[in-house]
Amino acid sequence: MEFKSFGFSDVGKTHEHNEDTYLRNDKEGLFVVADGMGGHVSGEMASQLAVESVEEFVTRSRSEGIDFSGENRKDLSTEQNRLLAATRAANRRIREEADRNPAKKGMGTTLIGVILEDKQLAVVNVGDSRLYRVRNGSMKQVTKDHTLVAEQQRLGRLTKDEARKHPQRHILTSALGISESPRIDLYRAKVIPNDLYLICSDGLNDMLNDEEILNIIHSIKDRSLYKIGLSLVLQANLAGGLDNITVILLSF
């Protein structure tokens, strides 16, 4: 299925450094957002290592026929298994770098990756960066956040609004680099014509709720991804810009 893409990252209004890293590889149909943590130097390095590792694994596994079947899960598609193996490789790489450099100890990153797979998206998620789908005028979050507050919300102990404002909403329950076996979620998302998918770091959805994000998308009548992406970042900054803001848009 034909698609267009757009990606952009902004440091925000309160940070001096951008710890987000993103990848937009139309040729491979691979799109990744990573939001680093551990101080700006360590956070930048962790997110860059994650994105570079995933891209390298995906491209090399395809071009050189690297066998990753030993890690395959039978319930996953080929591209989901590719993303799973790539994410595990990224986790190992971050941990190895931290072991070599004590100053980087404890660095980590979220990671959300998408591979186009015929009329589906193969999706991997670790942490609280997000994938949204906009279809027929409504928006749905495809991924689930790996945070303490999100877990409480799923158990019905917090409402959506309470979760958005909770002081501990940024405490992650999974991230790359923090443990040998982070929680890694895999999804498949069906694609139909006129779908729009949004991948973002929490610098966007912390500043704008889902309704505000959707209203901004609908306000761009010509559906220009460039205009939508920059408008989302601009409005997030106008709402405070308290973190780095990264967006990738895919339209079909």
Protein backbone atom coordinates (compact mmCIF):
# COMPACT_ATOMS: atom_id res chain seq x y z
CA MET A 1 0.00 0.00 0.00
CA GLU A 2 1.31 3.45 -0.90
CA PHE A 3 2.27 5.71 1.98
CA LYS A 4 3.85 9.03 2.86
CA SER A 5 5.84 9.87 5.96
CA PHE A 6 7.12 12.86 7.92
CA GLY A 7 9.34 13.10 10.99
CA PHE A 8 10.46 15.93 13.24
CA SER A 9 12.05 16.34 16.67
CA ASP A 10 12.25 19.47 18.82
CA VAL A 11 14.14 20.10 22.05
CA GLY A 12 11.13 21.77 23.69
CA LYS A 13 11.16 24.93 25.82
CA THR A 14 12.80 23.77 29.05
CA HIS A 15 15.57 21.37 27.98
CA GLU A 16 18.98 22.33 26.63
CA HIS A 17 19.54 18.98 24.91
CA ASN A 18 17.39 16.64 22.90
CA GLU A 19 17.47 13.09 24.28
CA ASP A 20 14.98 11.87 21.67
CA THR A 21 16.18 10.10 18.52
CA TYR A 22 14.02 9.08 15.59
CA LEU A 23 14.40 7.17 12.34
CA ARG A 24 12.35 7.56 9.17
CA ASN A 25 13.50 4.97 6.63
CA ASP A 26 10.95 4.87 3.82
CA LYS A 27 13.01 2.40 1.77
CA GLU A 28 12.92 -0.25 4.50
CA GLY A 29 9.47 0.79 5.71
CA LEU A 30 10.99 1.25 9.17
CA PHE A 31 10.12 4.01 11.62
CA VAL A 32 11.45 4.33 15.17
CA VAL A 33 11.22 6.78 18.09
CA ALA A 34 13.39 6.48 21.22
CA ASP A 35 13.24 8.75 24.27
CA GLY A 36 16.46 8.50 26.28
CA MET A 37 16.95 8.89 30.01
CA GLY A 38 19.87 9.08 32.43
CA GLY A 39 21.04 12.67 31.98
CA HIS A 40 21.42 14.42 28.63
CA VAL A 41 24.67 12.78 27.53
CA SER A 42 23.61 9.29 28.61
CA GLY A 43 20.04 9.78 27.41
CA GLU A 44 21.18 10.93 23.99
CA MET A 45 23.56 8.01 23.71
CA ALA A 46 20.99 5.43 24.82
CA SER A 47 18.34 6.61 22.35
CA GLN A 48 20.87 6.87 19.51
CA LEU A 49 22.26 3.40 20.21
CA ALA A 50 18.75 1.95 20.28
CA VAL A 51 17.71 3.49 16.97
CA GLU A 52 21.00 2.70 15.25
CA SER A 53 20.92 -0.90 16.50
CA VAL A 54 17.37 -1.50 15.31
CA GLU A 55 18.04 -0.03 11.87
CA GLU A 56 21.28 -1.98 11.50
CA PHE A 57 19.67 -5.26 12.53
CA VAL A 58 16.66 -4.83 10.26
CA THR A 59 18.68 -3.85 7.18
CA ARG A 60 21.40 -6.47 7.70
CA SER A 61 18.95 -9.26 8.48
CA ARG A 62 17.28 -8.55 5.16
CA SER A 63 20.33 -7.91 2.97
CA GLU A 64 22.63 -10.54 4.49
CA GLY A 65 20.05 -13.10 5.44
CA ILE A 66 20.94 -13.08 9.14
CA ASP A 67 19.19 -15.97 10.87
CA PHE A 68 17.25 -14.88 13.93
CA SER A 69 14.94 -17.90 13.98
CA GLY A 70 16.38 -19.04 17.29
CA GLU A 71 14.55 -16.14 18.95
CA ASN A 72 11.32 -16.49 16.96
CA ARG A 73 7.90 -16.73 18.55
CA LYS A 74 5.36 -18.79 16.62
CA ASP A 75 2.54 -16.38 17.44
CA LEU A 76 4.31 -13.48 15.69
CA SER A 77 4.70 -12.53 12.03
CA THR A 78 8.10 -12.44 10.33
CA GLU A 79 8.43 -8.67 10.75
CA GLN A 80 7.27 -8.76 14.36
CA ASN A 81 9.94 -11.37 15.06
CA ARG A 82 12.47 -9.19 13.24
CA LEU A 83 11.55 -6.24 15.45
CA LEU A 84 11.70 -8.41 18.56
CA ALA A 85 15.21 -9.64 17.71
CA ALA A 86 16.30 -6.09 16.78
CA THR A 87 15.00 -4.71 20.08
CA ARG A 88 16.77 -7.38 22.10
CA ALA A 89 19.99 -6.59 20.20
CA ALA A 90 19.52 -2.89 20.99
CA ASN A 91 19.07 -3.68 24.68
CA ARG A 92 22.31 -5.70 24.73
CA ARG A 93 24.21 -2.94 22.97
CA ILE A 94 23.10 -0.26 25.44
CA ARG A 95 24.01 -2.46 28.40
CA GLU A 96 27.41 -3.30 26.92
CA GLU A 97 28.16 0.40 26.42
CA ALA A 98 27.14 1.15 30.02
CA ASP A 99 29.38 -1.66 31.26
CA ARG A 100 32.34 -0.18 29.36
CA ASN A 101 31.72 3.32 30.68
CA PRO A 102 30.75 3.62 34.38
CA ALA A 103 29.60 7.21 33.79
CA LYS A 104 26.82 5.82 31.59
CA LYS A 105 25.62 3.31 34.18
CA GLY A 106 21.84 3.34 34.41
CA MET A 107 21.22 4.93 31.03
CA GLY A 108 18.14 3.71 29.23
CA THR A 109 15.56 4.58 26.64
CA THR A 110 12.03 3.93 25.51
CA LEU A 111 11.62 2.50 22.03
CA ILE A 112 8.73 2.23 19.65
CA GLY A 113 9.31 0.77 16.21
CA VAL A 114 7.06 0.16 13.22
CA ILE A 115 7.69 -1.91 10.08
CA LEU A 116 5.31 -1.87 7.14
CA GLU A 117 4.20 -5.43 6.40
CA ASP A 118 1.87 -5.57 3.40
CA LYS A 119 -1.45 -4.19 4.71
CA GLN A 120 -0.33 -4.39 8.33
CA LEU A 121 2.03 -2.59 10.65
CA ALA A 122 4.33 -4.71 12.78
CA VAL A 123 4.87 -2.79 16.00
CA VAL A 124 7.27 -3.11 18.94
CA ASN A 125 7.01 -1.04 22.13
CA VAL A 126 9.11 -0.65 25.27
CA GLY A 127 8.34 2.25 27.63
CA ASP A 128 5.87 5.10 27.20
CA SER A 129 6.40 6.44 23.71
CA ARG A 130 3.22 5.86 21.73
CA LEU A 131 1.59 4.80 18.48
CA TYR A 132 -1.82 6.30 17.63
CA ARG A 133 -4.15 5.48 14.76
CA VAL A 134 -6.50 8.07 13.26
CA ARG A 135 -9.34 6.50 11.27
CA ASN A 136 -12.80 7.75 10.27
CA GLY A 137 -12.49 10.87 12.39
CA SER A 138 -11.49 9.18 15.63
CA MET A 139 -8.15 8.39 17.27
CA LYS A 140 -7.04 5.28 19.16
CA GLN A 141 -3.84 4.57 21.08
CA VAL A 142 -2.50 1.29 19.69
CA THR A 143 0.26 0.70 22.25
CA LYS A 144 0.11 0.44 26.04
CA ASP A 145 2.39 2.57 28.23
CA HIS A 146 4.85 0.75 30.46
CA THR A 147 4.47 2.99 33.51
CA LEU A 148 3.31 2.50 37.08
CA VAL A 149 0.47 4.95 36.55
CA ALA A 150 -0.69 3.27 33.32
CA GLU A 151 -0.80 -0.06 35.15
CA GLN A 152 -2.98 1.52 37.84
CA GLN A 153 -5.25 2.99 35.17
CA ARG A 154 -5.66 -0.40 33.48
CA LEU A 155 -6.62 -1.88 36.85
CA GLY A 156 -9.33 0.77 37.18
CA ARG A 157 -7.68 2.52 40.12
CA LEU A 158 -7.13 5.76 38.21
CA THR A 159 -9.17 7.53 35.57
CA LYS A 160 -7.58 8.64 32.31
CA ASP A 161 -7.54 12.27 33.48
CA GLU A 162 -6.07 11.33 36.87
CA ALA A 163 -3.35 9.31 35.13
CA ARG A 164 -2.41 12.22 32.86
CA LYS A 165 -1.83 14.53 35.84
CA HIS A 166 -0.34 12.01 38.26
CA PRO A 167 3.05 13.13 39.69
CA GLN A 168 4.50 9.62 39.15
CA ARG A 169 3.28 9.21 35.58
CA HIS A 170 6.84 9.10 34.22
CA ILE A 171 8.03 6.16 36.32
CA LEU A 172 8.67 3.43 33.75
CA THR A 173 8.12 -0.27 34.38
CA SER A 174 10.17 -1.22 31.30
CA ALA A 175 12.93 0.43 29.27
CA LEU A 176 15.88 -0.67 27.18
CA GLY A 177 19.22 -0.77 28.99
CA ILE A 178 17.82 -1.14 32.50
CA SER A 179 17.58 -4.93 32.70
CA GLU A 180 18.63 -7.99 30.73
CA SER A 181 15.03 -8.88 29.93
CA PRO A 182 12.84 -5.78 29.56
CA ARG A 183 9.15 -6.16 28.85
CA ILE A 184 8.74 -5.96 25.07
CA ASP A 185 5.23 -5.69 23.61
CA LEU A 186 4.48 -6.67 20.00
CA TYR A 187 1.40 -5.61 18.04
CA ARG A 188 -0.05 -5.86 14.54
CA ALA A 189 -2.17 -3.00 13.25
CA LYS A 190 -4.28 -3.35 10.13
CA VAL A 191 -3.95 -0.54 7.58
CA ILE A 192 -6.77 0.68 5.34
CA PRO A 193 -6.74 3.60 2.87
CA ASN A 194 -6.87 7.07 4.48
CA ASP A 195 -5.44 5.81 7.78
CA LEU A 196 -3.04 8.14 9.57
CA TYR A 197 -0.61 6.79 12.16
CA LEU A 198 1.23 8.96 14.68
CA ILE A 199 4.35 7.81 16.53
CA CYS A 200 5.46 10.16 19.30
CA SER A 201 7.54 10.58 22.43
CA ASP A 202 5.74 11.59 25.64
CA GLY A 203 6.78 15.21 25.14
CA LEU A 204 3.75 15.45 22.84
CA ASN A 205 1.05 13.60 24.76
CA ASP A 206 2.16 15.07 28.11
CA MET A 207 1.36 18.55 26.80
CA LEU A 208 -1.67 17.70 24.67
CA ASN A 209 -4.44 15.25 25.47
CA ASP A 210 -5.86 12.89 22.84
CA GLU A 211 -8.74 15.21 21.95
CA GLU A 212 -6.37 18.14 21.44
CA ILE A 213 -4.06 16.06 19.26
CA LEU A 214 -6.99 14.91 17.12
CA ASN A 215 -8.37 18.45 16.78
CA ILE A 216 -4.98 19.69 15.54
CA ILE A 217 -4.84 16.89 12.97
CA HIS A 218 -8.38 17.68 11.76
CA SER A 219 -7.56 21.40 11.54
CA ILE A 220 -5.16 20.72 8.64
CA LYS A 221 -7.69 20.38 5.84
CA ASP A 222 -5.24 19.32 3.12
CA ARG A 223 -3.81 16.56 5.39
CA SER A 224 -0.27 17.78 4.76
CA LEU A 225 1.96 15.70 7.04
CA TYR A 226 4.46 18.55 7.22
CA LYS A 227 1.78 20.95 8.46
CA ILE A 228 0.28 18.43 10.87
CA GLY A 229 3.65 17.50 12.35
CA LEU A 230 4.86 21.04 12.86
CA SER A 231 1.47 22.12 14.23
CA LEU A 232 1.56 19.33 16.83
CA VAL A 233 5.06 20.33 17.94
CA LEU A 234 4.16 24.03 17.99
CA GLN A 235 1.05 23.47 20.12
CA ALA A 236 2.95 21.20 22.51
CA ASN A 237 5.51 23.97 22.98
CA LEU A 238 2.78 26.58 23.46
CA ALA A 239 1.28 24.33 26.14
CA GLY A 240 4.57 24.37 28.03
CA GLY A 241 7.08 22.34 26.04
CA LEU A 242 8.32 20.65 29.21
CA ASP A 243 10.15 17.86 27.38
CA ASN A 244 11.67 16.98 24.02
CA ILE A 245 8.95 16.45 21.40
CA THR A 246 9.24 13.96 18.57
CA VAL A 247 6.63 12.98 15.98
CA ILE A 248 6.55 10.65 13.01
CA LEU A 249 3.45 10.58 10.79
CA LEU A 250 2.47 7.87 8.31
CA SER A 251 -0.45 8.32 5.91
CA PHE A 252 -1.83 5.67 3.57
